[in-house]
Each structure stands twice: as C-alpha cells, then as structure tokens.
Amino acid sequence: MIKISFLAFGLACLLGSCNRENLKYDKPHFDFDSLVQTQSHLLTQTKARVSKESKVNGRSDSVTFMPDSTQWKNELDAFQQLDIINKPMYKGTYQISESDDEHSNLRMRSYVAKIKSPVQAVKFYYRNDLKELKRIESSFEEENLMMTITRKLILEFDEHHGQSVIVRYQVVGSQKMVLSNKVSFSIEGKVSY
C-alpha cells in the first residue's frame, strides 16, 4: 500500500513537472511565451479594455470588459501555442524568408515548415526590425485520434505611450470531435486604452 502511494505521488510530481511553464528550451525564432507575458502585463498595467465578439456555429455574443493579467493570458493563449516553432523537434525545419510586404510599407518575415507541423506558417509584419512589430498571422492545426482543430490567428499591434501593444486579435477556426458535428468558431477582440 505504501509503495503504491509513493509511486502515485512520484507519477503526479513527474506529470506536474511537464507543464508548459516548466519546459525551458532555446527560442531561435520568436519567443511567443515572452510576448504573451509582456503584453498581459502591459495590458493590465494600462487598464486596457477589450470589446470581444465570439461566434460559435453562427450564434454570436459580445462583451466589453477590463481583464486582469490572468484573463489576458487566457485571451492570448492561442498565440502562445505558436511557440511550437521553437521546439527542439522542429529545429531546422522552418524555411525563413524576408521581403517587403506588397500591400503595405512594412517588411515581412515568413517562417514556413518544410515538414508537417501544427504551425505550418507564421508571418511577422514590422517596420524596421521585429521590435517594431505590427502584425502576426499564422495558422495552427492539431489532429489526433479524438479530434481535429484548425485555427487562423491574427494579432495586431500599435504604439501606445511609446510601447508596442496589442490593439486587435482574432482567432477563426473549427473543431471536429469523433462522433460529433464540426463546430465553427471565431473570436475577435478590439483593445482600447
């Protein structure tokens, strides 16, 4: 009985140590974890409000509120998941290119996976360097035996009191569970300061 309890305790500790916050690895491309953490702090500190519209299978709902730092992290969690491009298993699998954006006066850095990855592509739009980031676009697809999730993600930035802050975010996608209908959803948040 004592051996089983000790084994269960050890297994729980091992599983607890595997959460995303405890995983440390090199970030060769772009640190999405740091972006979400920094933006959550800035948005909370400036008392930013968000007008959020959500749609699920055509039914919509909207709300305006002032999130705290935990709520901001939850709002931006989908973008933190893009950090997959930095994971060691995908090292060297993204083709990186830079060019002028033909639709604006911005530069664009593009990461395109050469192998199957949950994040097939990410595009960063910026002024002179990535510190002057204006927009991030990406797609995310996760598939396993139980479900398939696809998302298109957009994150837009502008300057507020000398700092680059999020002004709009959007997640559009679908989820299909085994033995159930496909659910389409979209979330758009507009941030005001």
Foldseek 3Di string as FASTA:
>chain_A
DVVVVVVVVVVVVVVVCPDPVNDDDDQPDDQQVVVQQVQLVVLQVVQKKKWKWKDKPRDIDIDIDRDHSVVSCVVCVVSNVVSQCRDPVQPPQWDWDKDQDPVDRWIKIKTAGNDDDQKRIKIWTAHPDSQRTAKIWTKGWDDDPFKIKIWIKMWGWDDDPRHIHTQKIKIWIWMDGPPDDIMTMMMMMGMDD
